[in-house]
């Protein structure tokens, strides 16, 4: 029996699961966890579509949305907006 490699983007099918996934990634100690999660969401939504909406090349997006990348804030903002999301700040519990 042959198994397919697990791909989290296959399970990011609605706004609620996407928001929970990104929120959980922000709680990680690793700064790259959010970038990687954002990359999974972009892949789930279609990297070509996100590329067109942001004006950034697909290869640039793939590179910017990896665990060890250090993209500019503007890149993150453009991707978040292209996904139909927004970044908000709330008081810590």
PDB file of N, CA and C in Angstrom:
ATOM      1  N   UNK A   1       0.848  -1.181   0.000  1.00  0.00           N
ATOM      2  CA  UNK A   1       0.000   0.000   0.000  1.00  0.00           C
ATOM      3  C   UNK A   1       0.894   1.244   0.000  1.00  0.00           C
ATOM      4  N   UNK A   2       0.561   2.171  -0.823  1.00  0.00           N
ATOM      5  CA  UNK A   2       1.333   3.407  -0.929  1.00  0.00           C
ATOM      6  C   UNK A   2       0.558   4.551  -0.297  1.00  0.00           C
ATOM      7  N   UNK A   3       1.253   5.322   0.529  1.00  0.00           N
ATOM      8  CA  UNK A   3       0.617   6.441   1.200  1.00  0.00           C
ATOM      9  C   UNK A   3       1.100   7.754   0.611  1.00  0.00           C
ATOM     10  N   UNK A   4       0.202   8.705   0.581  1.00  0.00           N
ATOM     11  CA  UNK A   4       0.525  10.050   0.129  1.00  0.00           C
ATOM     12  C   UNK A   4       1.052  10.847   1.314  1.00  0.00           C
ATOM     13  N   UNK A   5       2.030  11.700   1.071  1.00  0.00           N
ATOM     14  CA  UNK A   5       2.594  12.532   2.130  1.00  0.00           C
ATOM     15  C   UNK A   5       1.528  13.492   2.657  1.00  0.00           C
ATOM     16  N   UNK A   6       1.507  13.672   3.982  1.00  0.00           N
ATOM     17  CA  UNK A   6       0.546  14.571   4.608  1.00  0.00           C
ATOM     18  C   UNK A   6       0.805  16.007   4.168  1.00  0.00           C
ATOM     19  N   UNK A   7      -0.241  16.703   3.789  1.00  0.00           N
ATOM     20  CA  UNK A   7      -0.147  18.104   3.389  1.00  0.00           C
ATOM     21  C   UNK A   7      -1.258  18.865   4.090  1.00  0.00           C
ATOM     22  N   UNK A   8      -0.897  19.684   5.069  1.00  0.00           N
ATOM     23  CA  UNK A   8      -1.882  20.410   5.862  1.00  0.00           C
ATOM     24  C   UNK A   8      -2.783  21.285   4.994  1.00  0.00           C
ATOM     25  N   UNK A   9      -2.282  21.764   3.875  1.00  0.00           N
ATOM     26  CA  UNK A   9      -3.092  22.645   3.021  1.00  0.00           C
ATOM     27  C   UNK A   9      -4.331  21.936   2.479  1.00  0.00           C
ATOM     28  N   UNK A  10      -4.313  20.604   2.453  1.00  0.00           N
ATOM     29  CA  UNK A  10      -5.494  19.850   2.015  1.00  0.00           C
ATOM     30  C   UNK A  10      -6.664  20.004   2.987  1.00  0.00           C
ATOM     31  N   UNK A  11      -6.373  20.397   4.222  1.00  0.00           N
ATOM     32  CA  UNK A  11      -7.400  20.475   5.257  1.00  0.00           C
ATOM     33  C   UNK A  11      -7.817  21.903   5.601  1.00  0.00           C
ATOM     34  N   UNK A  12      -7.224  22.866   4.941  1.00  0.00           N
ATOM     35  CA  UNK A  12      -7.558  24.274   5.187  1.00  0.00           C
ATOM     36  C   UNK A  12      -8.619  24.692   4.183  1.00  0.00           C
ATOM     37  N   UNK A  13      -9.843  24.282   4.447  1.00  0.00           N
ATOM     38  CA  UNK A  13     -10.912  24.419   3.460  1.00  0.00           C
ATOM     39  C   UNK A  13     -11.914  25.524   3.752  1.00  0.00           C
ATOM     40  N   UNK A  14     -11.862  26.105   4.953  1.00  0.00           N
ATOM     41  CA  UNK A  14     -12.820  27.171   5.266  1.00  0.00           C
ATOM     42  C   UNK A  14     -12.156  28.224   6.141  1.00  0.00           C
ATOM     43  N   UNK A  15     -12.789  29.378   6.234  1.00  0.00           N
ATOM     44  CA  UNK A  15     -12.221  30.509   6.957  1.00  0.00           C
ATOM     45  C   UNK A  15     -11.963  30.189   8.425  1.00  0.00           C
ATOM     46  N   UNK A  16     -12.846  29.428   9.029  1.00  0.00           N
ATOM     47  CA  UNK A  16     -12.703  29.099  10.439  1.00  0.00           C
ATOM     48  C   UNK A  16     -11.451  28.256  10.694  1.00  0.00           C
ATOM     49  N   UNK A  17     -11.241  27.220   9.903  1.00  0.00           N
ATOM     50  CA  UNK A  17     -10.061  26.368  10.107  1.00  0.00           C
ATOM     51  C   UNK A  17      -8.778  27.128   9.777  1.00  0.00           C
ATOM     52  N   UNK A  18      -8.841  28.002   8.784  1.00  0.00           N
ATOM     53  CA  UNK A  18      -7.674  28.816   8.424  1.00  0.00           C
ATOM     54  C   UNK A  18      -7.319  29.773   9.558  1.00  0.00           C
ATOM     55  N   UNK A  19      -8.324  30.441  10.109  1.00  0.00           N
ATOM     56  CA  UNK A  19      -8.081  31.388  11.205  1.00  0.00           C
ATOM     57  C   UNK A  19      -7.515  30.672  12.433  1.00  0.00           C
ATOM     58  N   UNK A  20      -8.074  29.526  12.775  1.00  0.00           N
ATOM     59  CA  UNK A  20      -7.580  28.770  13.929  1.00  0.00           C
ATOM     60  C   UNK A  20      -6.145  28.299  13.698  1.00  0.00           C
ATOM     61  N   UNK A  21      -5.863  27.847  12.498  1.00  0.00           N
ATOM     62  CA  UNK A  21      -4.527  27.363  12.163  1.00  0.00           C
ATOM     63  C   UNK A  21      -3.489  28.487  12.273  1.00  0.00           C
ATOM     64  N   UNK A  22      -3.796  29.643  11.695  1.00  0.00           N
ATOM     65  CA  UNK A  22      -2.867  30.772  11.749  1.00  0.00           C
ATOM     66  C   UNK A  22      -2.727  31.294  13.176  1.00  0.00           C
ATOM     67  N   UNK A  23      -3.812  31.313  13.917  1.00  0.00           N
ATOM     68  CA  UNK A  23      -3.768  31.762  15.306  1.00  0.00           C
ATOM     69  C   UNK A  23      -2.872  30.836  16.132  1.00  0.00           C
ATOM     70  N   UNK A  24      -3.000  29.541  15.936  1.00  0.00           N
ATOM     71  CA  UNK A  24      -2.152  28.577  16.651  1.00  0.00           C
ATOM     72  C   UNK A  24      -0.684  28.756  16.269  1.00  0.00           C
ATOM     73  N   UNK A  25      -0.421  29.044  14.998  1.00  0.00           N
ATOM     74  CA  UNK A  25       0.958  29.249  14.543  1.00  0.00           C
ATOM     75  C   UNK A  25       1.578  30.480  15.201  1.00  0.00           C
ATOM     76  N   UNK A  26       0.775  31.513  15.430  1.00  0.00           N
ATOM     77  CA  UNK A  26       1.282  32.719  16.086  1.00  0.00           C
ATOM     78  C   UNK A  26       1.671  32.457  17.540  1.00  0.00           C
ATOM     79  N   UNK A  27       1.085  31.450  18.151  1.00  0.00           N
ATOM     80  CA  UNK A  27       1.377  31.138  19.542  1.00  0.00           C
ATOM     81  C   UNK A  27       2.657  30.322  19.713  1.00  0.00           C
ATOM     82  N   UNK A  28       3.214  29.830  18.620  1.00  0.00           N
ATOM     83  CA  UNK A  28       4.450  29.045  18.678  1.00  0.00           C
ATOM     84  C   UNK A  28       5.632  29.939  19.056  1.00  0.00           C
ATOM     85  N   UNK A  29       6.636  29.346  19.645  1.00  0.00           N
ATOM     86  CA  UNK A  29       7.847  30.086  20.000  1.00  0.00           C
ATOM     87  C   UNK A  29       8.686  30.427  18.769  1.00  0.00           C
ATOM     88  N   UNK A  30       8.509  29.688  17.707  1.00  0.00           N
ATOM     89  CA  UNK A  30       9.291  29.883  16.494  1.00  0.00           C
ATOM     90  C   UNK A  30       8.690  30.987  15.634  1.00  0.00           C
ATOM     91  N   UNK A  31       9.464  32.032  15.326  1.00  0.00           N
ATOM     92  CA  UNK A  31       8.940  33.097  14.471  1.00  0.00           C
ATOM     93  C   UNK A  31       8.591  32.605  13.073  1.00  0.00           C
ATOM     94  N   UNK A  32       9.265  31.560  12.620  1.00  0.00           N
ATOM     95  CA  UNK A  32       9.003  31.037  11.283  1.00  0.00           C
ATOM     96  C   UNK A  32       7.749  30.200  11.182  1.00  0.00           C
ATOM     97  N   UNK A  33       7.179  29.815  12.323  1.00  0.00           N
ATOM     98  CA  UNK A  33       5.978  28.975  12.305  1.00  0.00           C
ATOM     99  C   UNK A  33       4.817  29.689  11.607  1.00  0.00           C
ATOM    100  N   UNK A  34       4.656  30.982  11.875  1.00  0.00           N
ATOM    101  CA  UNK A  34       3.575  31.728  11.228  1.00  0.00           C
ATOM    102  C   UNK A  34       3.812  31.839   9.731  1.00  0.00           C
ATOM    103  N   UNK A  35       5.036  32.099   9.328  1.00  0.00           N
ATOM    104  CA  UNK A  35       5.336  32.204   7.895  1.00  0.00           C
ATOM    105  C   UNK A  35       5.034  30.895   7.180  1.00  0.00           C
ATOM    106  N   UNK A  36       5.455  29.803   7.779  1.00  0.00           N
ATOM    107  CA  UNK A  36       5.208  28.494   7.184  1.00  0.00           C
ATOM    108  C   UNK A  36       3.703  28.217   7.112  1.00  0.00           C
ATOM    109  N   UNK A  37       2.982  28.548   8.176  1.00  0.00           N
ATOM    110  CA  UNK A  37       1.529  28.361   8.188  1.00  0.00           C
ATOM    111  C   UNK A  37       0.867  29.232   7.123  1.00  0.00           C
ATOM    112  N   UNK A  38       1.319  30.461   6.987  1.00  0.00           N
ATOM    113  CA  UNK A  38       0.778  31.353   5.967  1.00  0.00           C
ATOM    114  C   UNK A  38       1.031  30.768   4.572  1.00  0.00           C
ATOM    115  N   UNK A  39       2.176  30.145   4.391  1.00  0.00           N
ATOM    116  CA  UNK A  39       2.477  29.471   3.133  1.00  0.00           C
ATOM    117  C   UNK A  39       1.534  28.315   2.863  1.00  0.00           C
ATOM    118  N   UNK A  40       1.187  27.550   3.907  1.00  0.00           N
ATOM    119  CA  UNK A  40       0.233  26.456   3.742  1.00  0.00           C
ATOM    120  C   UNK A  40      -1.141  26.982   3.332  1.00  0.00           C
ATOM    121  N   UNK A  41      -1.548  28.077   3.946  1.00  0.00           N
ATOM    122  CA  UNK A  41      -2.845  28.674   3.613  1.00  0.00           C
ATOM    123  C   UNK A  41      -2.834  29.197   2.178  1.00  0.00           C
ATOM    124  N   UNK A  42      -1.740  29.857   1.786  1.00  0.00           N
ATOM    125  CA  UNK A  42      -1.625  30.364   0.415  1.00  0.00           C
ATOM    126  C   UNK A  42      -1.690  29.209  -0.584  1.00  0.00           C
ATOM    127  N   UNK A  43      -1.045  28.106  -0.254  1.00  0.00           N
ATOM    128  CA  UNK A  43      -1.087  26.934  -1.127  1.00  0.00           C
ATOM    129  C   UNK A  43      -2.507  26.383  -1.218  1.00  0.00           C
ATOM    130  N   UNK A  44      -3.204  26.351  -0.087  1.00  0.00           N
ATOM    131  CA  UNK A  44      -4.584  25.856  -0.071  1.00  0.00           C
ATOM    132  C   UNK A  44      -5.498  26.718  -0.927  1.00  0.00           C
ATOM    133  N   UNK A  45      -5.241  28.009  -0.939  1.00  0.00           N
ATOM    134  CA  UNK A  45      -6.068  28.938  -1.723  1.00  0.00           C
ATOM    135  C   UNK A  45      -5.632  29.035  -3.180  1.00  0.00           C
ATOM    136  N   UNK A  46      -4.427  28.580  -3.464  1.00  0.00           N
ATOM    137  CA  UNK A  46      -3.906  28.632  -4.827  1.00  0.00           C
ATOM    138  C   UNK A  46      -2.800  29.665  -4.932  1.00  0.00           C
ATOM    139  N   UNK A  47      -1.583  29.189  -4.996  1.00  0.00           N
ATOM    140  CA  UNK A  47      -0.429  30.099  -5.009  1.00  0.00           C
ATOM    141  C   UNK A  47      -0.451  31.004  -6.237  1.00  0.00           C
ATOM    142  N   UNK A  48      -0.940  30.516  -7.362  1.00  0.00           N
ATOM    143  CA  UNK A  48      -1.018  31.354  -8.569  1.00  0.00           C
ATOM    144  C   UNK A  48      -1.963  32.521  -8.340  1.00  0.00           C
ATOM    145  N   UNK A  49      -3.095  32.248  -7.706  1.00  0.00           N
ATOM    146  CA  UNK A  49      -4.070  33.301  -7.413  1.00  0.00           C
ATOM    147  C   UNK A  49      -3.494  34.312  -6.434  1.00  0.00           C
ATOM    148  N   UNK A  50      -2.809  33.843  -5.402  1.00  0.00           N
ATOM    149  CA  UNK A  50      -2.205  34.742  -4.417  1.00  0.00           C
ATOM    150  C   UNK A  50      -1.104  35.566  -5.069  1.00  0.00           C
ATOM    151  N   UNK A  51      -0.348  34.936  -5.934  1.00  0.00           N
ATOM    152  CA  UNK A  51       0.712  35.638  -6.660  1.00  0.00           C
ATOM    153  C   UNK A  51       0.134  36.789  -7.480  1.00  0.00           C
ATOM    154  N   UNK A  52      -0.931  36.517  -8.196  1.00  0.00           N
ATOM    155  CA  UNK A  52      -1.563  37.555  -9.016  1.00  0.00           C
ATOM    156  C   UNK A  52      -2.128  38.683  -8.150  1.00  0.00           C
ATOM    157  N   UNK A  53      -2.747  38.318  -7.041  1.00  0.00           N
ATOM    158  CA  UNK A  53      -3.366  39.323  -6.173  1.00  0.00           C
ATOM    159  C   UNK A  53      -2.342  40.205  -5.465  1.00  0.00           C
ATOM    160  N   UNK A  54      -1.178  39.647  -5.177  1.00  0.00           N
ATOM    161  CA  UNK A  54      -0.156  40.420  -4.460  1.00  0.00           C
ATOM    162  C   UNK A  54       0.812  41.137  -5.387  1.00  0.00           C
ATOM    163  N   UNK A  55       0.887  40.679  -6.627  1.00  0.00           N
ATOM    164  CA  UNK A  55       1.870  41.237  -7.554  1.00  0.00           C
ATOM    165  C   UNK A  55       3.261  40.666  -7.334  1.00  0.00           C
ATOM    166  N   UNK A  56       3.347  39.606  -6.548  1.00  0.00           N
ATOM    167  CA  UNK A  56       4.628  38.958  -6.267  1.00  0.00           C
ATOM    168  C   UNK A  56       4.718  37.655  -7.054  1.00  0.00           C
ATOM    169  N   UNK A  57       5.892  37.317  -7.524  1.00  0.00           N
ATOM    170  CA  UNK A  57       6.077  36.078  -8.263  1.00  0.00           C
ATOM    171  C   UNK A  57       5.859  34.862  -7.380  1.00  0.00           C
ATOM    172  N   UNK A  58       5.426  33.760  -7.984  1.00  0.00           N
ATOM    173  CA  UNK A  58       5.194  32.533  -7.222  1.00  0.00           C
ATOM    174  C   UNK A  58       6.448  32.061  -6.504  1.00  0.00           C
ATOM    175  N   UNK A  59       7.582  32.086  -7.204  1.00  0.00           N
ATOM    176  CA  UNK A  59       8.828  31.647  -6.565  1.00  0.00           C
ATOM    177  C   UNK A  59       9.175  32.532  -5.373  1.00  0.00           C
ATOM    178  N   UNK A  60       8.957  33.826  -5.531  1.00  0.00           N
ATOM    179  CA  UNK A  60       9.225  34.756  -4.421  1.00  0.00           C
ATOM    180  C   UNK A  60       8.322  34.455  -3.232  1.00  0.00           C
ATOM    181  N   UNK A  61       7.069  34.134  -3.515  1.00  0.00           N
ATOM    182  CA  UNK A  61       6.148  33.797  -2.431  1.00  0.00           C
ATOM    183  C   UNK A  61       6.579  32.526  -1.719  1.00  0.00           C
ATOM    184  N   UNK A  62       6.919  31.502  -2.485  1.00  0.00           N
ATOM    185  CA  UNK A  62       7.368  30.254  -1.872  1.00  0.00           C
ATOM    186  C   UNK A  62       8.579  30.492  -0.977  1.00  0.00           C
ATOM    187  N   UNK A  63       9.506  31.325  -1.430  1.00  0.00           N
ATOM    188  CA  UNK A  63      10.709  31.619  -0.639  1.00  0.00           C
ATOM    189  C   UNK A  63      10.370  32.443   0.605  1.00  0.00           C
ATOM    190  N   UNK A  64       9.469  33.404   0.460  1.00  0.00           N
ATOM    191  CA  UNK A  64       9.127  34.296   1.570  1.00  0.00           C
ATOM    192  C   UNK A  64       8.324  33.589   2.652  1.00  0.00           C
ATOM    193  N   UNK A  65       7.612  32.535   2.273  1.00  0.00           N
ATOM    194  CA  UNK A  65       6.722  31.863   3.215  1.00  0.00           C
ATOM    195  C   UNK A  65       7.281  30.521   3.681  1.00  0.00           C
ATOM    196  N   UNK A  66       8.539  30.549   4.049  1.00  0.00           N
ATOM    197  CA  UNK A  66       9.178  29.368   4.616  1.00  0.00           C
ATOM    198  C   UNK A  66       9.613  29.679   6.041  1.00  0.00           C
ATOM    199  N   UNK A  67       9.878  28.634   6.776  1.00  0.00           N
ATOM    200  CA  UNK A  67      10.214  28.753   8.190  1.00  0.00           C
ATOM    201  C   UNK A  67      11.423  29.647   8.462  1.00  0.00           C
ATOM    202  N   UNK A  68      12.410  29.629   7.596  1.00  0.00           N
ATOM    203  CA  UNK A  68      13.635  30.394   7.850  1.00  0.00           C
ATOM    204  C   UNK A  68      13.725  31.705   7.074  1.00  0.00           C
ATOM    205  N   UNK A  69      12.657  32.109   6.428  1.00  0.00           N
ATOM    206  CA  UNK A  69      12.662  33.353   5.646  1.00  0.00           C
ATOM    207  C   UNK A  69      12.533  34.569   6.568  1.00  0.00           C
ATOM    208  N   UNK A  70      12.893  35.718   6.042  1.00  0.00           N
ATOM    209  CA  UNK A  70      12.733  36.979   6.760  1.00  0.00           C
ATOM    210  C   UNK A  70      12.117  38.010   5.819  1.00  0.00           C
ATOM    211  N   UNK A  71      10.844  37.792   5.449  1.00  0.00           N
ATOM    212  CA  UNK A  71      10.210  38.707   4.499  1.00  0.00           C
ATOM    213  C   UNK A  71       9.910  40.060   5.140  1.00  0.00           C
ATOM    214  N   UNK A  72       9.735  41.041   4.282  1.00  0.00           N
ATOM    215  CA  UNK A  72       9.347  42.364   4.754  1.00  0.00           C
ATOM    216  C   UNK A  72       7.892  42.324   5.221  1.00  0.00           C
ATOM    217  N   UNK A  73       7.551  43.248   6.103  1.00  0.00           N
ATOM    218  CA  UNK A  73       6.175  43.338   6.595  1.00  0.00           C
ATOM    219  C   UNK A  73       5.208  43.541   5.437  1.00  0.00           C
ATOM    220  N   UNK A  74       5.593  44.340   4.466  1.00  0.00           N
ATOM    221  CA  UNK A  74       4.721  44.610   3.319  1.00  0.00           C
ATOM    222  C   UNK A  74       4.358  43.316   2.591  1.00  0.00           C
ATOM    223  N   UNK A  75       5.284  42.402   2.472  1.00  0.00           N
ATOM    224  CA  UNK A  75       5.004  41.124   1.826  1.00  0.00           C
ATOM    225  C   UNK A  75       3.959  40.346   2.618  1.00  0.00           C
ATOM    226  N   UNK A  76       4.139  40.287   3.930  1.00  0.00           N
ATOM    227  CA  UNK A  76       3.179  39.586   4.789  1.00  0.00           C
ATOM    228  C   UNK A  76       1.801  40.229   4.667  1.00  0.00           C
ATOM    229  N   UNK A  77       1.769  41.545   4.744  1.00  0.00           N
ATOM    230  CA  UNK A  77       0.490  42.267   4.659  1.00  0.00           C
ATOM    231  C   UNK A  77      -0.218  41.976   3.350  1.00  0.00           C
ATOM    232  N   UNK A  78       0.518  42.002   2.241  1.00  0.00           N
ATOM    233  CA  UNK A  78      -0.078  41.752   0.930  1.00  0.00           C
ATOM    234  C   UNK A  78      -0.632  40.338   0.820  1.00  0.00           C
ATOM    235  N   UNK A  79       0.089  39.366   1.369  1.00  0.00           N
ATOM    236  CA  UNK A  79      -0.382  37.981   1.332  1.00  0.00           C
ATOM    237  C   UNK A  79      -1.638  37.832   2.189  1.00  0.00           C
ATOM    238  N   UNK A  80      -1.600  38.387   3.385  1.00  0.00           N
ATOM    239  CA  UNK A  80      -2.755  38.306   4.284  1.00  0.00           C
ATOM    240  C   UNK A  80      -3.983  38.929   3.622  1.00  0.00           C
ATOM    241  N   UNK A  81      -3.827  40.089   3.024  1.00  0.00           N
ATOM    242  CA  UNK A  81      -4.946  40.743   2.350  1.00  0.00           C
ATOM    243  C   UNK A  81      -5.432  39.930   1.149  1.00  0.00           C
ATOM    244  N   UNK A  82      -4.514  39.348   0.396  1.00  0.00           N
ATOM    245  CA  UNK A  82      -4.894  38.528  -0.763  1.00  0.00           C
ATOM    246  C   UNK A  82      -5.679  37.287  -0.336  1.00  0.00           C
ATOM    247  N   UNK A  83      -5.439  36.839   0.886  1.00  0.00           N
ATOM    248  CA  UNK A  83      -6.172  35.690   1.419  1.00  0.00           C
ATOM    249  C   UNK A  83      -7.531  36.087   1.978  1.00  0.00           C
ATOM    250  N   UNK A  84      -7.826  37.386   1.959  1.00  0.00           N
ATOM    251  CA  UNK A  84      -9.095  37.862   2.499  1.00  0.00           C
ATOM    252  C   UNK A  84      -9.096  37.898   4.016  1.00  0.00           C
ATOM    253  N   UNK A  85      -7.924  38.052   4.601  1.00  0.00           N
ATOM    254  CA  UNK A  85      -7.769  38.101   6.047  1.00  0.00           C
ATOM    255  C   UNK A  85      -7.244  39.468   6.464  1.00  0.00           C
ATOM    256  N   UNK A  86      -7.166  39.690   7.761  1.00  0.00           N
ATOM    257  CA  UNK A  86      -6.535  40.903   8.267  1.00  0.00           C
ATOM    258  C   UNK A  86      -5.797  40.575   9.538  1.00  0.00           C
ATOM    259  N   UNK A  87      -4.790  41.354   9.819  1.00  0.00           N
ATOM    260  CA  UNK A  87      -4.002  41.191  11.031  1.00  0.00           C
ATOM    261  C   UNK A  87      -4.579  42.110  12.093  1.00  0.00           C
ATOM    262  N   UNK A  88      -4.860  41.564  13.267  1.00  0.00           N
ATOM    263  CA  UNK A  88      -5.357  42.371  14.365  1.00  0.00           C
ATOM    264  C   UNK A  88      -4.534  42.092  15.621  1.00  0.00           C
ATOM    265  N   UNK A  89      -4.568  43.027  16.536  1.00  0.00           N
ATOM    266  CA  UNK A  89      -3.858  42.913  17.803  1.00  0.00           C
ATOM    267  C   UNK A  89      -4.895  42.933  18.917  1.00  0.00           C
ATOM    268  N   UNK A  90      -4.765  42.011  19.857  1.00  0.00           N
ATOM    269  CA  UNK A  90      -5.669  41.975  21.009  1.00  0.00           C
ATOM    270  C   UNK A  90      -4.825  41.930  22.282  1.00  0.00           C
ATOM    271  N   UNK A  91      -5.377  42.393  23.402  1.00  0.00           N
ATOM    272  CA  UNK A  91      -4.637  42.342  24.654  1.00  0.00           C
ATOM    273  C   UNK A  91      -4.324  40.895  25.044  1.00  0.00           C
ATOM    274  N   UNK A  92      -3.175  40.691  25.625  1.00  0.00           N
ATOM    275  CA  UNK A  92      -2.793  39.368  26.100  1.00  0.00           C
ATOM    276  C   UNK A  92      -3.645  38.994  27.308  1.00  0.00           C
ATOM    277  N   UNK A  93      -3.953  37.713  27.454  1.00  0.00           N
ATOM    278  CA  UNK A  93      -4.765  37.303  28.621  1.00  0.00           C
ATOM    279  C   UNK A  93      -3.984  37.431  29.920  1.00  0.00           C
TER     280      UNK A  93
END
